[in-house]
Structures are given as C-alpha cells and as structure tokens.
Amino acid sequence: MIKKAIKMKIYPDKHEEYKRRHDELWPEMEQMLKEHGALSYTIFLDAKTSTLFGYLEIQEEERWSQTAQTEINQKWWDYMADIMETNPDNSPVVTDLFPVFEL
C-alpha cells in the first residue's frame, strides 16, 4: 500500500457545494477510483483558508496515475471546475505533500 497526501484549493463561497457534490459522488467515478487501486480516499477542508487536504491509500502508483486519462475523471474535472482552482484542462491544481513523520 502507498500513502499519498495532496493539497488543493476551493473558492471560499463554495465549501458547501464542494461537500454536496462529493456526498453525491457518481457511482461510476467511485468505481473508476477503486478499479485504479484506491483503497481509501479522504478529503478534509480547512475552512479558514479554503484548503483541501486529500489523503489516499493506493495499491500502485502507475495504475493510479492512469486515472487522469479516464473519460469519467475528465468529466468530473469539468463538473468541479467552477468551484475550485484548476489548470487549463480543468484538472485541479494539486500540490503533492511528502511525509515527514509517521507514528
């Protein structure tokens, strides 16, 4: 198992909408994540800074990296682009975080 942590940003007035959309995650999106080796995926919000912290446990990096090319993932990016910081292709602006301590 590989542990990953990422940071993203949502717009300050979109916190509730972000949560609503994830509460209603499309079944085909959930299926794709699992098919690409996601064992768990949790997203936390720092409401004060509108920063999202994502924690993932995946099976292998190569298979996980293929999620970006799936049609459903690109559709999800388009769906989320109006409420968070994105790149020109509508993928979220993501900062990888690196482990410095684990108990």
N, C-alpha and C. Protein backbone atom coordinates (compact mmCIF):
# COMPACT_ATOMS: atom_id res chain seq x y z
N MET A 1 0.84 -1.18 0.00
CA MET A 1 0.00 0.00 0.00
C MET A 1 0.89 1.25 0.00
N ILE A 2 0.48 2.24 -0.78
CA ILE A 2 1.19 3.51 -0.88
C ILE A 2 0.28 4.59 -0.31
N LYS A 3 0.86 5.42 0.56
CA LYS A 3 0.12 6.54 1.14
C LYS A 3 0.47 7.81 0.37
N LYS A 4 -0.56 8.59 0.04
CA LYS A 4 -0.36 9.84 -0.69
C LYS A 4 -1.13 10.95 0.03
N ALA A 5 -0.59 12.15 -0.03
CA ALA A 5 -1.28 13.32 0.51
C ALA A 5 -1.16 14.44 -0.50
N ILE A 6 -2.26 15.16 -0.69
CA ILE A 6 -2.29 16.26 -1.65
C ILE A 6 -3.01 17.46 -1.04
N LYS A 7 -2.75 18.61 -1.64
CA LYS A 7 -3.40 19.85 -1.23
C LYS A 7 -4.03 20.49 -2.46
N MET A 8 -5.25 21.00 -2.30
CA MET A 8 -5.97 21.70 -3.37
C MET A 8 -6.67 22.90 -2.74
N LYS A 9 -7.25 23.76 -3.56
CA LYS A 9 -7.97 24.94 -3.05
C LYS A 9 -9.35 25.02 -3.70
N ILE A 10 -10.34 25.36 -2.86
CA ILE A 10 -11.67 25.65 -3.38
C ILE A 10 -11.96 27.12 -3.13
N TYR A 11 -12.93 27.63 -3.85
CA TYR A 11 -13.30 29.03 -3.67
C TYR A 11 -14.04 29.18 -2.34
N PRO A 12 -13.76 30.27 -1.62
CA PRO A 12 -14.30 30.45 -0.27
C PRO A 12 -15.81 30.31 -0.15
N ASP A 13 -16.54 30.70 -1.17
CA ASP A 13 -18.01 30.62 -1.10
C ASP A 13 -18.56 29.29 -1.62
N LYS A 14 -17.69 28.31 -1.86
CA LYS A 14 -18.13 27.04 -2.46
C LYS A 14 -17.94 25.83 -1.55
N HIS A 15 -17.68 26.04 -0.27
CA HIS A 15 -17.44 24.93 0.65
C HIS A 15 -18.62 23.95 0.70
N GLU A 16 -19.81 24.47 0.88
CA GLU A 16 -21.00 23.61 0.96
C GLU A 16 -21.25 22.88 -0.36
N GLU A 17 -21.06 23.56 -1.46
CA GLU A 17 -21.28 22.94 -2.77
C GLU A 17 -20.27 21.82 -3.01
N TYR A 18 -19.03 22.04 -2.61
CA TYR A 18 -17.99 21.00 -2.76
C TYR A 18 -18.40 19.75 -1.98
N LYS A 19 -18.82 19.95 -0.75
CA LYS A 19 -19.25 18.81 0.07
C LYS A 19 -20.46 18.12 -0.55
N ARG A 20 -21.44 18.90 -1.00
CA ARG A 20 -22.64 18.31 -1.61
C ARG A 20 -22.29 17.44 -2.80
N ARG A 21 -21.41 17.94 -3.67
CA ARG A 21 -21.05 17.17 -4.86
C ARG A 21 -20.33 15.88 -4.49
N HIS A 22 -19.54 15.91 -3.45
CA HIS A 22 -18.86 14.68 -3.02
C HIS A 22 -19.80 13.74 -2.27
N ASP A 23 -20.77 14.29 -1.57
CA ASP A 23 -21.78 13.44 -0.93
C ASP A 23 -22.59 12.69 -1.98
N GLU A 24 -22.68 13.25 -3.18
CA GLU A 24 -23.43 12.65 -4.28
C GLU A 24 -22.48 12.14 -5.36
N LEU A 25 -21.31 11.65 -4.95
CA LEU A 25 -20.31 11.16 -5.91
C LEU A 25 -20.94 10.17 -6.88
N TRP A 26 -20.68 10.38 -8.14
CA TRP A 26 -21.22 9.49 -9.17
C TRP A 26 -20.71 8.07 -8.95
N PRO A 27 -21.60 7.08 -9.04
CA PRO A 27 -21.18 5.68 -8.85
C PRO A 27 -20.06 5.27 -9.81
N GLU A 28 -20.11 5.75 -11.03
CA GLU A 28 -19.07 5.38 -12.00
C GLU A 28 -17.72 6.01 -11.66
N MET A 29 -17.74 7.15 -10.96
CA MET A 29 -16.49 7.76 -10.51
C MET A 29 -15.90 6.92 -9.38
N GLU A 30 -16.73 6.54 -8.44
CA GLU A 30 -16.27 5.68 -7.34
C GLU A 30 -15.71 4.36 -7.87
N GLN A 31 -16.40 3.78 -8.83
CA GLN A 31 -15.94 2.52 -9.43
C GLN A 31 -14.58 2.70 -10.10
N MET A 32 -14.40 3.78 -10.84
CA MET A 32 -13.14 4.03 -11.52
C MET A 32 -11.99 4.17 -10.51
N LEU A 33 -12.23 4.90 -9.42
CA LEU A 33 -11.20 5.07 -8.41
C LEU A 33 -10.77 3.72 -7.83
N LYS A 34 -11.74 2.89 -7.52
CA LYS A 34 -11.44 1.57 -6.97
C LYS A 34 -10.72 0.69 -8.00
N GLU A 35 -11.16 0.76 -9.26
CA GLU A 35 -10.52 -0.03 -10.32
C GLU A 35 -9.07 0.39 -10.55
N HIS A 36 -8.75 1.63 -10.21
CA HIS A 36 -7.39 2.12 -10.38
C HIS A 36 -6.57 2.05 -9.09
N GLY A 37 -7.06 1.26 -8.15
CA GLY A 37 -6.26 0.93 -6.98
C GLY A 37 -6.45 1.78 -5.75
N ALA A 38 -7.50 2.60 -5.69
CA ALA A 38 -7.75 3.38 -4.48
C ALA A 38 -8.32 2.46 -3.40
N LEU A 39 -7.61 2.35 -2.30
CA LEU A 39 -8.08 1.57 -1.16
C LEU A 39 -8.89 2.46 -0.22
N SER A 40 -8.47 3.72 -0.12
CA SER A 40 -9.23 4.71 0.64
C SER A 40 -8.86 6.09 0.11
N TYR A 41 -9.79 7.03 0.27
CA TYR A 41 -9.57 8.39 -0.19
C TYR A 41 -10.40 9.29 0.71
N THR A 42 -9.75 10.15 1.46
CA THR A 42 -10.43 11.06 2.37
C THR A 42 -9.98 12.48 2.05
N ILE A 43 -10.94 13.41 2.04
CA ILE A 43 -10.61 14.81 1.79
C ILE A 43 -11.09 15.62 3.00
N PHE A 44 -10.20 16.46 3.51
CA PHE A 44 -10.51 17.34 4.64
C PHE A 44 -10.48 18.79 4.14
N LEU A 45 -11.26 19.65 4.78
CA LEU A 45 -11.32 21.06 4.43
C LEU A 45 -10.84 21.92 5.59
N ASP A 46 -9.92 22.82 5.32
CA ASP A 46 -9.57 23.88 6.26
C ASP A 46 -10.41 25.08 5.82
N ALA A 47 -11.54 25.27 6.47
CA ALA A 47 -12.49 26.30 6.05
C ALA A 47 -11.90 27.71 6.13
N LYS A 48 -10.98 27.92 7.03
CA LYS A 48 -10.39 29.24 7.20
C LYS A 48 -9.58 29.67 5.97
N THR A 49 -8.90 28.70 5.33
CA THR A 49 -8.05 29.02 4.18
C THR A 49 -8.61 28.46 2.86
N SER A 50 -9.73 27.75 2.92
CA SER A 50 -10.32 27.08 1.75
C SER A 50 -9.35 26.07 1.13
N THR A 51 -8.51 25.51 1.96
CA THR A 51 -7.56 24.50 1.51
C THR A 51 -8.13 23.11 1.75
N LEU A 52 -8.01 22.27 0.74
CA LEU A 52 -8.41 20.87 0.85
C LEU A 52 -7.16 20.02 1.06
N PHE A 53 -7.25 19.07 1.95
CA PHE A 53 -6.17 18.11 2.19
C PHE A 53 -6.72 16.74 1.85
N GLY A 54 -6.13 16.09 0.86
CA GLY A 54 -6.56 14.77 0.47
C GLY A 54 -5.56 13.72 0.94
N TYR A 55 -6.08 12.65 1.52
CA TYR A 55 -5.26 11.53 1.95
C TYR A 55 -5.75 10.28 1.23
N LEU A 56 -4.83 9.63 0.52
CA LEU A 56 -5.18 8.45 -0.26
C LEU A 56 -4.29 7.27 0.13
N GLU A 57 -4.86 6.10 0.04
CA GLU A 57 -4.09 4.87 0.12
C GLU A 57 -4.37 4.13 -1.18
N ILE A 58 -3.30 3.87 -1.93
CA ILE A 58 -3.45 3.25 -3.25
C ILE A 58 -2.59 1.98 -3.32
N GLN A 59 -2.90 1.15 -4.31
CA GLN A 59 -2.16 -0.09 -4.47
C GLN A 59 -0.83 0.12 -5.19
N GLU A 60 -0.86 0.91 -6.26
CA GLU A 60 0.38 1.14 -7.01
C GLU A 60 0.30 2.47 -7.76
N GLU A 61 1.41 3.14 -7.82
CA GLU A 61 1.47 4.48 -8.40
C GLU A 61 1.14 4.49 -9.89
N GLU A 62 1.66 3.54 -10.65
CA GLU A 62 1.45 3.53 -12.10
C GLU A 62 -0.03 3.41 -12.45
N ARG A 63 -0.72 2.49 -11.81
CA ARG A 63 -2.15 2.31 -12.10
C ARG A 63 -2.93 3.55 -11.66
N TRP A 64 -2.57 4.13 -10.52
CA TRP A 64 -3.27 5.32 -10.03
C TRP A 64 -3.09 6.49 -11.00
N SER A 65 -1.90 6.63 -11.57
CA SER A 65 -1.63 7.76 -12.47
C SER A 65 -2.50 7.71 -13.73
N GLN A 66 -3.04 6.56 -14.05
CA GLN A 66 -3.89 6.42 -15.24
C GLN A 66 -5.29 6.99 -15.05
N THR A 67 -5.66 7.35 -13.82
CA THR A 67 -7.00 7.91 -13.59
C THR A 67 -7.21 9.19 -14.40
N ALA A 68 -6.16 9.97 -14.56
CA ALA A 68 -6.29 11.25 -15.26
C ALA A 68 -6.75 11.09 -16.70
N GLN A 69 -6.46 9.95 -17.31
CA GLN A 69 -6.82 9.74 -18.71
C GLN A 69 -8.23 9.16 -18.89
N THR A 70 -8.91 8.81 -17.81
CA THR A 70 -10.23 8.21 -17.96
C THR A 70 -11.27 9.26 -18.31
N GLU A 71 -12.23 8.85 -19.10
CA GLU A 71 -13.30 9.76 -19.51
C GLU A 71 -14.09 10.28 -18.31
N ILE A 72 -14.38 9.39 -17.35
CA ILE A 72 -15.18 9.80 -16.20
C ILE A 72 -14.42 10.81 -15.34
N ASN A 73 -13.13 10.65 -15.20
CA ASN A 73 -12.35 11.60 -14.41
C ASN A 73 -12.32 12.97 -15.08
N GLN A 74 -12.16 13.00 -16.38
CA GLN A 74 -12.16 14.28 -17.09
C GLN A 74 -13.53 14.95 -17.01
N LYS A 75 -14.58 14.15 -17.03
CA LYS A 75 -15.94 14.68 -16.86
C LYS A 75 -16.10 15.27 -15.45
N TRP A 76 -15.53 14.59 -14.44
CA TRP A 76 -15.59 15.09 -13.06
C TRP A 76 -14.83 16.41 -12.94
N TRP A 77 -13.66 16.49 -13.55
CA TRP A 77 -12.90 17.74 -13.52
C TRP A 77 -13.71 18.89 -14.09
N ASP A 78 -14.37 18.65 -15.21
CA ASP A 78 -15.21 19.69 -15.82
C ASP A 78 -16.33 20.10 -14.87
N TYR A 79 -16.92 19.13 -14.20
CA TYR A 79 -18.02 19.37 -13.26
C TYR A 79 -17.56 20.20 -12.06
N MET A 80 -16.32 20.01 -11.63
CA MET A 80 -15.81 20.67 -10.44
C MET A 80 -15.10 22.00 -10.74
N ALA A 81 -14.84 22.30 -11.98
CA ALA A 81 -14.01 23.46 -12.35
C ALA A 81 -14.58 24.79 -11.89
N ASP A 82 -15.88 24.89 -11.72
CA ASP A 82 -16.46 26.18 -11.33
C ASP A 82 -16.36 26.46 -9.83
N ILE A 83 -15.86 25.50 -9.04
CA ILE A 83 -15.82 25.73 -7.60
C ILE A 83 -14.43 25.60 -6.98
N MET A 84 -13.42 25.35 -7.82
CA MET A 84 -12.07 25.20 -7.26
C MET A 84 -11.01 25.67 -8.24
N GLU A 85 -9.81 25.87 -7.73
CA GLU A 85 -8.70 26.27 -8.59
C GLU A 85 -8.33 25.12 -9.52
N THR A 86 -8.24 25.43 -10.83
CA THR A 86 -7.96 24.40 -11.82
C THR A 86 -6.88 24.85 -12.80
N ASN A 87 -6.34 23.87 -13.49
CA ASN A 87 -5.42 24.09 -14.60
C ASN A 87 -6.23 24.31 -15.87
N PRO A 88 -5.58 24.69 -16.99
CA PRO A 88 -6.31 24.92 -18.24
C PRO A 88 -7.15 23.72 -18.72
N ASP A 89 -6.75 22.50 -18.35
CA ASP A 89 -7.53 21.32 -18.77
C ASP A 89 -8.62 20.96 -17.76
N ASN A 90 -8.88 21.84 -16.80
CA ASN A 90 -9.85 21.68 -15.72
C ASN A 90 -9.43 20.71 -14.63
N SER A 91 -8.24 20.14 -14.72
CA SER A 91 -7.75 19.31 -13.62
C SER A 91 -7.49 20.24 -12.43
N PRO A 92 -7.71 19.74 -11.22
CA PRO A 92 -7.46 20.60 -10.07
C PRO A 92 -5.98 20.93 -9.92
N VAL A 93 -5.70 22.12 -9.45
CA VAL A 93 -4.33 22.47 -9.11
C VAL A 93 -4.00 21.68 -7.85
N VAL A 94 -3.04 20.79 -7.95
CA VAL A 94 -2.71 19.88 -6.85
C VAL A 94 -1.25 20.07 -6.45
N THR A 95 -1.03 20.12 -5.15
CA THR A 95 0.32 20.12 -4.61
C THR A 95 0.51 18.81 -3.87
N ASP A 96 1.49 18.03 -4.28
CA ASP A 96 1.80 16.80 -3.56
C ASP A 96 2.49 17.16 -2.25
N LEU A 97 2.10 16.46 -1.21
CA LEU A 97 2.72 16.63 0.10
C LEU A 97 3.56 15.40 0.40
N PHE A 98 4.63 15.58 1.13
CA PHE A 98 5.56 14.48 1.36
C PHE A 98 5.64 14.17 2.85
N PRO A 99 5.68 12.88 3.19
CA PRO A 99 5.70 12.50 4.61
C PRO A 99 6.98 12.94 5.30
N VAL A 100 6.81 13.43 6.50
CA VAL A 100 7.97 13.80 7.30
C VAL A 100 7.94 13.12 8.67
N PHE A 101 6.79 12.52 9.02
CA PHE A 101 6.67 11.83 10.30
C PHE A 101 5.50 10.87 10.23
N GLU A 102 5.66 9.71 10.84
CA GLU A 102 4.57 8.75 10.97
C GLU A 102 4.76 7.98 12.27
N LEU A 103 3.70 7.86 13.04
CA LEU A 103 3.76 7.12 14.29
C LEU A 103 3.23 5.73 14.07
